[in-house]
Protein backbone atom coordinates (compact mmCIF):
# COMPACT_ATOMS: atom_id res chain seq x y z
CA MET A 1 0.00 0.00 0.00
CA SER A 2 2.93 2.27 -0.66
CA GLU A 3 0.78 4.44 -2.92
CA TYR A 4 -0.74 6.01 0.20
CA LYS A 5 2.65 7.45 1.15
CA ASP A 6 2.41 9.14 4.58
CA TRP A 7 -1.28 8.42 5.20
CA MET A 8 -2.76 6.08 7.81
CA ILE A 9 -5.98 4.30 8.81
CA SER A 10 -7.34 5.08 12.28
CA VAL A 11 -9.19 2.27 14.08
CA ASP A 12 -10.55 4.47 16.85
CA ASP A 13 -12.22 7.84 16.39
CA HIS A 14 -15.45 9.33 17.74
CA VAL A 15 -18.46 11.26 16.53
CA MET A 16 -20.98 13.50 18.26
CA GLU A 17 -24.32 12.19 16.98
CA PRO A 18 -26.21 14.97 15.13
CA PRO A 19 -29.62 16.02 16.54
CA HIS A 20 -31.42 14.78 13.44
CA LEU A 21 -30.17 11.18 13.74
CA TRP A 22 -33.11 9.74 15.70
CA LYS A 23 -35.61 11.88 13.83
CA THR A 24 -34.56 10.81 10.37
CA HIS A 25 -33.61 7.17 10.77
CA ILE A 26 -35.90 5.72 13.44
CA ALA A 27 -39.22 4.05 12.64
CA PRO A 28 -42.07 6.63 12.74
CA LYS A 29 -43.83 4.84 15.63
CA TYR A 30 -40.83 5.54 17.90
CA ARG A 31 -40.03 9.06 16.73
CA ASP A 32 -41.74 10.91 19.58
CA ALA A 33 -40.03 8.76 22.21
CA ALA A 34 -36.62 8.69 20.52
CA PRO A 35 -33.57 10.60 21.84
CA LYS A 36 -33.86 14.32 21.27
CA VAL A 37 -31.80 17.40 22.01
CA VAL A 38 -33.43 19.79 24.50
CA CYS A 39 -32.38 22.98 26.28
CA ASN A 40 -33.12 23.34 30.00
CA GLU A 41 -34.03 26.50 31.87
CA ASP A 42 -30.35 27.29 32.42
CA GLY A 43 -29.58 27.22 28.73
CA VAL A 44 -27.78 23.87 28.88
CA TRP A 45 -28.24 21.58 25.88
CA GLN A 46 -28.83 17.92 26.69
CA TRP A 47 -29.87 14.66 25.12
CA GLU A 48 -33.18 13.38 26.53
CA LEU A 49 -34.46 9.80 26.48
CA GLU A 50 -37.29 8.40 28.62
CA GLY A 51 -37.15 11.47 30.83
CA GLN A 52 -33.43 11.05 31.53
CA ARG A 53 -31.09 13.82 30.39
CA LYS A 54 -27.40 13.64 29.52
CA VAL A 55 -24.95 16.42 28.75
CA ILE A 56 -21.96 16.03 26.45
CA THR A 57 -18.91 17.80 27.84
CA GLY A 58 -16.91 20.08 25.63
CA LEU A 59 -13.79 18.03 26.38
CA VAL A 60 -14.85 15.34 23.92
CA ALA A 61 -14.35 17.61 20.90
CA VAL A 62 -11.13 19.57 21.39
CA ALA A 63 -8.80 18.23 18.70
CA GLY A 64 -6.86 21.00 17.02
CA THR A 65 -7.38 23.58 19.77
CA PRO A 66 -4.84 24.64 22.44
CA SER A 67 -5.37 22.97 25.80
CA THR A 68 -5.77 26.42 27.34
CA GLU A 69 -9.05 26.69 25.42
CA TRP A 70 -10.49 23.32 26.42
CA ASP A 71 -13.88 23.69 28.10
CA PRO A 72 -15.27 20.98 30.42
CA MET A 73 -18.70 22.63 30.43
CA PRO A 74 -21.64 21.10 28.50
CA MET A 75 -21.36 21.40 24.73
CA ASN A 76 -23.92 23.33 22.70
CA LEU A 77 -25.30 20.31 20.86
CA MET A 78 -27.09 22.47 18.31
CA ASN A 79 -23.92 24.36 17.42
CA PRO A 80 -20.92 22.16 18.28
CA PRO A 81 -17.32 23.03 17.41
CA ALA A 82 -16.09 21.76 14.06
CA ALA A 83 -14.31 18.86 15.79
CA GLY A 84 -17.65 17.76 17.21
CA SER A 85 -19.60 18.09 13.99
CA GLY A 86 -21.94 15.30 12.97
CA ASP A 87 -21.50 16.27 9.32
CA PRO A 88 -19.32 13.73 7.50
CA LYS A 89 -18.11 16.39 5.05
CA VAL A 90 -16.65 18.37 7.96
CA ARG A 91 -14.99 15.21 9.29
CA LEU A 92 -13.56 14.35 5.87
CA ALA A 93 -11.93 17.76 5.64
CA ALA A 94 -10.27 17.13 9.02
CA MET A 95 -9.18 13.64 7.93
CA ASP A 96 -7.60 15.04 4.78
CA GLN A 97 -5.75 17.61 6.86
CA ASP A 98 -4.58 14.87 9.26
CA HIS A 99 -3.68 12.43 6.45
CA ILE A 100 -6.23 9.81 7.53
CA ILE A 101 -7.30 7.48 4.72
CA ALA A 102 -10.13 5.91 6.67
CA SER A 103 -11.58 5.98 10.17
CA LEU A 104 -13.58 3.63 12.40
CA ILE A 105 -16.05 5.69 14.43
CA PHE A 106 -17.44 5.09 17.94
CA PRO A 107 -20.56 6.97 19.14
CA THR A 108 -20.76 9.44 22.02
CA PHE A 109 -24.31 9.85 23.35
CA ALA A 110 -25.07 6.19 22.62
CA ALA A 111 -21.78 5.33 24.44
CA THR A 112 -19.08 3.26 22.80
CA CYS A 113 -20.97 -0.06 22.75
CA GLY A 114 -24.52 1.27 23.11
CA GLN A 115 -24.59 1.20 26.93
CA THR A 116 -26.98 4.16 26.91
CA PHE A 117 -29.76 1.88 25.69
CA LEU A 118 -29.20 -0.87 28.25
CA ASP A 119 -31.19 1.05 30.86
CA VAL A 120 -34.05 2.05 28.56
CA ARG A 121 -37.21 0.52 29.99
CA ASP A 122 -38.94 0.05 26.63
CA LYS A 123 -36.68 -2.50 24.96
CA ASP A 124 -38.51 -2.22 21.65
CA LEU A 125 -37.63 1.48 21.67
CA ALA A 126 -34.06 0.67 22.69
CA LEU A 127 -33.66 -1.75 19.79
CA ALA A 128 -35.16 0.80 17.40
CA CYS A 129 -32.63 3.38 18.65
CA ILE A 130 -29.73 1.02 18.00
CA GLN A 131 -31.00 0.15 14.55
CA ALA A 132 -31.46 3.84 13.75
CA TYR A 133 -27.88 4.56 14.81
CA ASN A 134 -26.59 1.74 12.61
CA ASP A 135 -28.65 2.91 9.64
CA TRP A 136 -27.32 6.45 10.07
CA MET A 137 -23.72 5.27 10.40
CA ILE A 138 -23.90 2.99 7.36
CA ASP A 139 -26.41 4.66 5.04
CA GLU A 140 -25.64 8.32 5.73
CA TRP A 141 -22.24 8.77 7.36
CA ALA A 142 -20.16 6.02 5.71
CA ALA A 143 -22.05 6.11 2.42
CA SER A 144 -21.22 9.79 2.01
CA ALA A 145 -17.61 8.85 1.23
CA PRO A 146 -17.09 5.19 0.24
CA GLY A 147 -13.78 3.82 1.37
CA ARG A 148 -13.20 6.58 3.93
CA PHE A 149 -15.07 5.11 6.92
CA ILE A 150 -15.09 1.61 8.44
CA PRO A 151 -18.71 1.19 9.58
CA LEU A 152 -18.97 0.06 13.21
CA ALA A 153 -22.38 -1.21 14.39
CA LEU A 154 -24.01 -1.43 17.80
CA VAL A 155 -26.07 -4.40 18.97
CA PRO A 156 -28.66 -4.90 21.76
CA LEU A 157 -26.41 -6.47 24.39
CA TRP A 158 -29.35 -7.31 26.67
CA ASP A 159 -30.38 -10.14 24.33
CA ALA A 160 -27.67 -12.15 22.56
CA GLU A 161 -30.09 -13.61 19.99
CA LEU A 162 -31.29 -10.11 19.08
CA ALA A 163 -27.67 -8.97 19.06
CA ALA A 164 -26.84 -11.67 16.52
CA GLN A 165 -29.81 -10.70 14.37
CA GLU A 166 -28.80 -7.04 14.38
CA ALA A 167 -25.17 -7.96 13.66
CA ARG A 168 -26.29 -9.89 10.59
CA ARG A 169 -28.61 -7.09 9.47
CA ALA A 170 -25.86 -4.51 9.88
CA ALA A 171 -23.34 -6.73 8.06
CA ALA A 172 -25.71 -7.06 5.11
CA LYS A 173 -25.84 -3.26 4.95
CA GLY A 174 -22.05 -2.93 5.04
CA ALA A 175 -20.94 -2.89 8.70
CA ARG A 176 -17.38 -4.15 9.17
CA SER A 177 -17.25 -4.53 12.97
CA ILE A 178 -19.45 -4.84 16.06
CA SER A 179 -18.81 -2.79 19.20
CA PHE A 180 -18.58 -4.83 22.41
CA THR A 181 -17.83 -4.12 26.07
CA GLU A 182 -14.63 -4.71 28.03
CA ASN A 183 -16.50 -6.46 30.82
CA PRO A 184 -20.14 -7.57 30.35
CA THR A 185 -20.60 -8.44 34.04
CA SER A 186 -19.92 -4.85 35.08
CA LEU A 187 -22.95 -3.89 32.96
CA GLY A 188 -25.14 -6.53 34.60
CA LEU A 189 -24.79 -8.95 31.68
CA PRO A 190 -23.59 -12.58 31.55
CA SER A 191 -19.83 -12.96 31.37
CA ILE A 192 -18.00 -14.30 28.33
CA HIS A 193 -17.34 -17.41 30.48
CA ASN A 194 -21.08 -18.13 30.78
CA ARG A 195 -21.63 -21.90 30.87
CA ASP A 196 -24.84 -21.61 28.86
CA ARG A 197 -22.85 -19.91 26.08
CA TYR A 198 -25.02 -16.79 26.28
CA TRP A 199 -22.86 -14.90 23.78
CA ASP A 200 -22.41 -17.69 21.23
CA PRO A 201 -25.10 -16.40 18.83
CA LEU A 202 -23.30 -13.07 18.57
CA PHE A 203 -19.87 -14.68 18.27
CA LYS A 204 -21.13 -16.93 15.46
CA ALA A 205 -22.73 -14.00 13.64
CA CYS A 206 -19.44 -12.13 13.78
CA VAL A 207 -17.48 -15.12 12.50
CA ASP A 208 -19.99 -15.81 9.72
CA ASN A 209 -19.68 -12.22 8.52
CA ALA A 210 -15.93 -11.75 9.17
CA MET A 211 -16.63 -8.92 11.62
CA PRO A 212 -14.27 -8.43 14.58
CA LEU A 213 -15.52 -7.30 17.96
CA SER A 214 -14.17 -3.80 18.65
CA ILE A 215 -13.73 -3.20 22.38
CA HIS A 216 -13.16 0.39 23.44
CA LEU A 217 -11.43 1.53 26.60
CA GLY A 218 -13.98 2.58 29.24
CA SER A 219 -16.88 0.57 27.80
CA SER A 220 -17.56 -1.03 31.18
CA VAL A 221 -18.25 0.57 34.54
CA ARG A 222 -15.71 -1.19 36.78
CA ARG A 223 -13.93 1.34 38.96
CA LEU A 224 -10.87 0.64 41.13
CA MET A 225 -10.10 4.16 42.30
CA ALA A 226 -11.06 5.40 45.75
CA PRO A 227 -14.17 7.61 45.80
CA ASP A 228 -12.15 10.53 47.18
CA ALA A 229 -9.20 10.17 44.78
CA PRO A 230 -8.42 13.06 42.38
CA LEU A 231 -10.25 12.87 39.07
CA ILE A 232 -7.04 12.45 37.07
CA GLU A 233 -6.57 9.07 38.77
CA GLY A 234 -9.66 7.84 36.96
CA ALA A 235 -8.04 8.58 33.60
CA SER A 236 -5.06 6.42 34.56
CA PHE A 237 -7.17 3.60 36.00
CA MET A 238 -9.23 3.49 32.81
CA ALA A 239 -6.20 2.07 31.02
CA LEU A 240 -6.61 -1.11 33.10
CA GLY A 241 -9.82 -1.89 31.23
CA ALA A 242 -7.88 -3.08 28.21
CA ILE A 243 -5.83 -5.45 30.38
CA ASP A 244 -9.04 -6.68 32.02
CA ALA A 245 -10.60 -7.47 28.64
CA PHE A 246 -7.41 -9.01 27.28
CA VAL A 247 -6.96 -11.45 30.16
CA ASP A 248 -10.67 -12.31 30.22
CA TRP A 249 -10.71 -13.23 26.53
CA MET A 250 -7.44 -15.10 26.63
CA TRP A 251 -8.64 -17.42 29.40
CA SER A 252 -12.26 -17.68 28.23
CA GLY A 253 -11.75 -20.43 25.66
CA ASN A 254 -14.00 -18.57 23.23
CA LEU A 255 -11.12 -17.82 20.89
CA LEU A 256 -10.27 -21.51 20.78
CA ARG A 257 -13.87 -22.49 20.02
CA TYR A 258 -14.20 -19.65 17.50
CA ALA A 259 -10.72 -19.53 16.02
CA GLU A 260 -11.80 -17.05 13.33
CA LEU A 261 -13.24 -14.53 15.80
CA LYS A 262 -11.11 -11.41 16.07
CA ILE A 263 -10.92 -9.00 19.03
CA VAL A 264 -9.72 -5.43 18.44
CA LEU A 265 -8.78 -3.46 21.55
CA SER A 266 -9.23 0.25 20.86
CA GLU A 267 -7.14 2.83 22.70
CA SER A 268 -5.41 -0.02 24.47
CA GLY A 269 -1.76 0.80 23.94
CA ILE A 270 0.71 -2.04 23.44
CA GLY A 271 3.56 -1.67 25.94
CA TRP A 272 1.76 -3.74 28.59
CA VAL A 273 0.99 -6.73 26.37
CA PRO A 274 4.34 -8.60 26.57
CA PRO A 275 4.55 -8.66 30.40
CA ILE A 276 0.92 -9.81 30.64
CA ILE A 277 1.52 -12.64 28.17
CA GLN A 278 4.70 -13.57 30.00
CA ARG A 279 2.79 -13.62 33.29
CA MET A 280 0.14 -15.87 31.74
CA ARG A 281 2.83 -18.26 30.54
CA ARG A 282 4.35 -18.27 34.03
CA ASP A 283 0.94 -18.97 35.58
CA LEU A 284 0.40 -21.92 33.26
CA HIS A 285 3.74 -23.34 34.34
CA ARG A 286 3.08 -22.75 38.05
CA TRP A 287 -0.41 -24.30 37.87
CA ARG A 288 0.59 -27.35 35.82
CA TRP A 289 0.20 -29.50 38.94
CA ALA A 290 -3.58 -29.09 38.70
CA ARG A 291 -3.67 -31.09 35.46
CA THR A 292 -2.96 -34.32 37.37
CA ALA A 293 -3.63 -33.58 41.06
CA LYS A 294 -6.18 -35.75 42.85
CA THR A 295 -7.10 -33.48 45.76
CA ASP A 296 -6.38 -29.89 46.74
CA PHE A 297 -5.21 -28.64 50.12
CA GLU A 298 -8.80 -28.61 51.42
CA GLY A 299 -9.46 -32.13 50.26
CA ASP A 300 -11.75 -31.29 47.31
CA ILE A 301 -11.55 -33.74 44.45
CA LEU A 302 -9.58 -32.58 41.41
CA THR A 303 -9.51 -34.56 38.18
CA GLY A 304 -7.20 -33.83 35.28
CA ASP A 305 -8.03 -30.92 32.94
CA THR A 306 -11.34 -30.25 34.70
CA ALA A 307 -9.76 -29.88 38.13
CA SER A 308 -12.19 -27.80 40.13
CA ARG A 309 -13.37 -26.49 43.44
CA GLY A 310 -17.10 -25.99 43.61
CA GLU A 311 -18.40 -24.31 40.45
CA ARG A 312 -15.09 -23.00 39.12
CA SER A 313 -12.55 -25.04 37.18
CA VAL A 314 -8.84 -24.36 37.24
CA PHE A 315 -8.34 -24.21 33.48
CA GLY A 316 -11.87 -23.93 32.11
CA ASP A 317 -11.72 -24.71 28.39
CA ILE A 318 -7.97 -24.12 28.16
CA PRO A 319 -6.24 -27.30 26.95
CA ASP A 320 -2.84 -28.61 27.90
CA GLY A 321 -0.14 -27.04 25.71
CA PHE A 322 -2.00 -23.71 25.40
CA ASP A 323 0.30 -20.83 24.43
CA PRO A 324 -0.98 -17.28 25.18
CA LEU A 325 1.38 -15.68 22.66
CA GLU A 326 0.13 -17.98 19.92
CA LEU A 327 -3.49 -17.15 20.75
CA PHE A 328 -2.73 -13.43 20.77
CA ARG A 329 -1.24 -13.67 17.30
CA GLN A 330 -4.26 -15.63 16.11
CA SER A 331 -7.09 -13.56 17.52
CA ILE A 332 -6.32 -10.30 19.37
CA PHE A 333 -5.29 -6.94 17.95
CA ALA A 334 -4.10 -4.02 20.04
CA SER A 335 -3.99 -0.39 18.94
CA ALA A 336 -1.99 2.64 19.94
CA ILE A 337 -2.61 6.35 19.54
CA ALA A 338 -0.29 8.15 17.17
CA GLY A 339 2.43 9.72 19.29
CA ASP A 340 2.17 6.96 21.91
CA THR A 341 5.00 5.01 23.57
CA GLY A 342 5.66 1.32 24.07
CA TRP A 343 6.65 0.48 20.51
CA GLU A 344 9.52 -1.65 21.77
CA ALA A 345 6.81 -4.26 22.44
CA LEU A 346 6.80 -5.00 18.70
CA ASP A 347 10.11 -6.84 19.11
CA TYR A 348 8.17 -9.44 21.11
CA LEU A 349 4.69 -9.24 19.58
CA GLY A 350 5.58 -8.93 15.91
CA PHE A 351 3.92 -6.57 13.43
CA ASP A 352 0.71 -8.36 12.44
CA ASN A 353 -1.45 -7.63 15.52
CA VAL A 354 -0.97 -3.92 16.12
CA MET A 355 -2.84 -0.99 14.56
CA ILE A 356 -2.76 2.78 14.83
CA GLU A 357 -5.46 5.30 15.80
CA THR A 358 -5.95 9.02 16.35
CA ASP A 359 -8.77 9.14 18.96
CA TYR A 360 -10.10 12.21 17.14
CA PRO A 361 -11.58 14.53 18.39
CA HIS A 362 -10.63 13.66 21.99
CA PRO A 363 -7.81 15.33 23.96
CA ASP A 364 -5.32 12.56 23.13
CA ALA A 365 -5.52 13.29 19.41
CA GLU A 366 -2.38 14.58 17.69
CA PHE A 367 -4.49 16.38 15.07
CA PRO A 368 -3.53 17.76 12.60
CA HIS A 369 -0.22 15.87 12.82
CA SER A 370 -1.42 12.31 13.55
CA ALA A 371 0.11 10.68 10.48
CA GLN A 372 3.40 12.48 11.03
CA ALA A 373 3.43 11.48 14.72
CA ALA A 374 2.82 7.86 13.70
CA GLN A 375 5.64 8.02 11.16
CA ASN A 376 7.93 9.34 13.87
CA ASP A 377 6.91 6.52 16.21
CA LEU A 378 7.74 3.88 13.61
CA ALA A 379 10.79 5.49 12.03
CA GLY A 380 13.09 2.69 13.16
CA PHE A 381 11.12 -0.06 11.41
CA SER A 382 11.12 -1.21 7.80
CA ALA A 383 8.71 0.14 5.21
CA GLU A 384 6.87 -3.20 5.18
CA GLN A 385 6.51 -3.21 8.97
CA GLN A 386 5.29 0.37 9.00
CA ASP A 387 2.77 -0.37 6.26
CA LYS A 388 1.20 -3.17 8.31
CA ILE A 389 0.63 -0.97 11.35
CA LEU A 390 -0.36 2.19 9.52
CA ARG A 391 -2.71 0.60 6.97
CA GLY A 392 -2.42 -3.08 6.11
CA ASN A 393 -3.51 -4.72 9.36
CA ALA A 394 -6.69 -2.62 9.54
CA CYS A 395 -7.63 -3.52 5.96
CA ARG A 396 -7.04 -7.22 6.63
CA VAL A 397 -8.76 -7.47 10.02
CA PHE A 398 -11.82 -5.42 9.03
CA SER A 399 -12.00 -6.87 5.49
CA PHE A 400 -11.91 -3.27 4.32
CA THR A 401 -10.98 -1.75 0.99
CA PRO A 402 -9.97 1.92 1.36
CA ALA A 403 -10.63 4.64 -1.16
CA SER A 404 -8.09 4.72 -3.94
CA ALA A 405 -5.01 6.82 -3.42
CA ALA A 406 -5.95 8.75 -6.55
CA SER A 407 -9.12 9.99 -4.78
CA LEU A 408 -7.17 11.43 -1.85
CA PRO A 409 -5.43 14.82 -1.86
CA ILE A 410 -2.01 13.15 -1.81
CA SER A 411 0.70 15.55 -2.89
């Protein structure tokens, strides 16, 4: 893909949903009850759904502005800054300036994996809202510029069968990935270890349609920080969500049962991956006794690979000879923000399971120098290795064909 020169594909960006979304794309019977933008008596613009109101802070759309101008107050949703525009033409202009070939977009009001709709009492309305978002993302946003956006769809997580149906519907319309949560149990949902295989319908739908699950940082509600800790601590703790999801999936057995299922960790970083894999390998070695032990120290019966105490097995579905590094290379893809650190991890991980992102228009974005920052990060690697991280891996994992280089303003 050398024809794209210094351009890159971002696998994690965000959009502020435009006020017209749930007016234009939802079924008429739900239009009155659908999310709408309202202004309260204090002049604060908010999204309203089932009587609940939610503000969008100005900090989510600051790319390209000096940090001294960042405003944590509620955004004017009817007149957002350009970085927060829900107009794909405005976003395309920013992408051209930033040298972004294509972008995978997560929602804001809906929350990264549609958590906003989990608490909606009327589940028919909630499903209609998710379908409307998907239709807008695929039919309006992505269709406005073919090959410039990687359509990401939401699914109704409260019902795995419905989630599978919506995944298939969205795939037929052109979706290339499904958004999922770091930790379903923290949202009150069955875990990915569920013995009844609650999530299997969704996993199968993703495999059948070659759609990876995209898991964004902060898409669960687990909190480790003390309630009286400074707010900045929360930003640091959030990074642990990617590790949480990574370890959960690696030990779940799902990626052995569904070898073609791909997991993409958005905004995860990569520097932590080698020590976690090395710890997992160490744990397998230390716990090898449980493969053959007859009883544990409390006298409970243990038998071979299904050694257990009560309801929990030692190894679950993990077979003897399991190699965490091999499974990572088969199924899991980490991503780093342009200008990030930790690239030395590539010496251990290789170059086939790492992608780049901008996080536009959030504070971490390097806009309008994202592509240049990424080039600087990878300057010590070969052209082939750089191409994989900047473009090739995203095209392969998302089964995505980008717009031709001739259609981009490449000088």
